[in-house]
């Protein structure tokens, strides 16, 4: 097993002055913020895609005899369910993102 070594060397900032090295604690906090930001972005993307899928499902549900009756019925259920699921995920994400930032 290899141990990952943190790069705590001083970096040169714009203007040629030296920045103080990032401590392990600072790096952990920064990475946690980045991970939480990425997670929120992925949740938003998923919710947007669920709404788009619901719209497509509604088109199939309304498609008449071109689609088999069982497919139309399933699409109708998805069209009703997916937006609610998206709203639920958004609500949970927003509620928890406020408590996790402390």
Protein backbone atom coordinates (compact mmCIF):
# COMPACT_ATOMS: atom_id res chain seq x y z
CA UNK A 1 0.00 0.00 0.00
CA UNK A 2 1.34 3.43 -0.87
CA UNK A 3 0.79 6.48 1.23
CA UNK A 4 -0.30 9.56 -0.66
CA UNK A 5 1.93 12.47 0.23
CA UNK A 6 0.40 15.91 0.36
CA UNK A 7 2.08 18.59 -1.65
CA UNK A 8 2.61 21.28 0.96
CA UNK A 9 5.39 23.16 -0.82
CA UNK A 10 5.09 26.90 -1.10
CA UNK A 11 3.67 28.05 -4.42
CA UNK A 12 4.50 31.16 -6.37
CA UNK A 13 1.51 33.43 -6.69
CA UNK A 14 0.88 35.97 -9.41
CA UNK A 15 3.33 38.80 -8.98
CA UNK A 16 6.15 36.52 -7.82
CA UNK A 17 5.35 36.44 -4.11
CA UNK A 18 5.28 33.13 -2.26
CA UNK A 19 2.00 31.72 -0.98
CA UNK A 20 1.95 29.85 2.29
CA UNK A 21 1.60 26.10 1.88
CA UNK A 22 -1.84 24.57 2.17
CA UNK A 23 -2.17 22.50 5.32
CA UNK A 24 -3.73 19.05 5.26
CA UNK A 25 -6.79 20.41 7.06
CA UNK A 26 -7.19 23.25 4.57
CA UNK A 27 -6.85 20.83 1.66
CA UNK A 28 -9.44 18.47 3.16
CA UNK A 29 -11.90 21.33 3.64
CA UNK A 30 -11.30 22.63 0.11
CA UNK A 31 -11.80 19.17 -1.39
CA UNK A 32 -14.96 18.63 0.66
CA UNK A 33 -16.40 21.91 -0.65
CA UNK A 34 -15.51 20.89 -4.21
CA UNK A 35 -17.12 17.46 -3.76
CA UNK A 36 -20.30 18.95 -2.33
CA UNK A 37 -20.47 21.47 -5.16
CA UNK A 38 -20.08 18.72 -7.75
CA UNK A 39 -22.75 16.63 -6.00
CA UNK A 40 -25.21 19.55 -6.08
CA UNK A 41 -24.50 20.09 -9.78
CA UNK A 42 -25.10 16.41 -10.54
CA UNK A 43 -28.37 16.44 -8.59
CA UNK A 44 -29.53 19.50 -10.53
CA UNK A 45 -28.62 17.82 -13.82
CA UNK A 46 -30.43 14.63 -12.85
CA UNK A 47 -33.55 16.57 -11.87
CA UNK A 48 -33.53 18.48 -15.16
CA UNK A 49 -33.15 15.22 -17.07
CA UNK A 50 -36.01 13.61 -15.12
CA UNK A 51 -38.29 16.48 -16.12
CA UNK A 52 -37.24 16.07 -19.77
CA UNK A 53 -37.87 12.33 -19.56
CA UNK A 54 -41.31 13.02 -18.10
CA UNK A 55 -42.09 15.22 -21.10
CA UNK A 56 -40.98 12.49 -23.49
CA UNK A 57 -43.00 9.92 -21.56
CA UNK A 58 -46.08 12.14 -21.84
CA UNK A 59 -45.59 12.36 -25.60
CA UNK A 60 -45.57 8.56 -25.77
CA UNK A 61 -48.57 8.30 -23.45
CA UNK A 62 -50.46 10.67 -25.77
CA UNK A 63 -49.16 8.92 -28.89
CA UNK A 64 -52.25 6.86 -29.54
CA UNK A 65 -52.24 3.56 -31.37
CA UNK A 66 -48.72 4.07 -32.68
CA UNK A 67 -47.56 2.74 -29.30
CA UNK A 68 -48.71 -0.47 -27.60
CA UNK A 69 -51.30 0.11 -24.86
CA UNK A 70 -49.00 -1.23 -22.11
CA UNK A 71 -46.21 1.12 -23.15
CA UNK A 72 -48.59 4.09 -23.17
CA UNK A 73 -49.81 3.19 -19.67
CA UNK A 74 -46.27 2.88 -18.31
CA UNK A 75 -45.26 6.13 -19.98
CA UNK A 76 -48.29 7.85 -18.46
CA UNK A 77 -47.24 6.69 -14.98
CA UNK A 78 -43.68 7.85 -15.56
CA UNK A 79 -44.87 11.23 -16.81
CA UNK A 80 -46.76 11.71 -13.55
CA UNK A 81 -44.09 10.28 -11.25
CA UNK A 82 -40.80 11.69 -12.56
CA UNK A 83 -41.45 15.40 -11.91
CA UNK A 84 -42.48 14.60 -8.33
CA UNK A 85 -39.28 12.59 -7.85
CA UNK A 86 -37.22 15.47 -9.22
CA UNK A 87 -38.88 17.95 -6.86
CA UNK A 88 -38.30 15.60 -3.94
CA UNK A 89 -34.60 15.28 -4.74
CA UNK A 90 -34.24 19.04 -5.16
CA UNK A 91 -35.96 19.63 -1.83
CA UNK A 92 -33.76 17.16 0.02
CA UNK A 93 -30.62 18.52 -1.61
CA UNK A 94 -31.46 22.12 -0.77
CA UNK A 95 -32.42 21.29 2.79
CA UNK A 96 -29.26 19.26 3.45
CA UNK A 97 -26.86 21.59 1.63
CA UNK A 98 -27.76 24.30 4.14
CA UNK A 99 -26.97 22.07 7.11
CA UNK A 100 -23.82 20.49 5.64
CA UNK A 101 -22.07 23.79 5.04
CA UNK A 102 -21.64 24.43 8.77
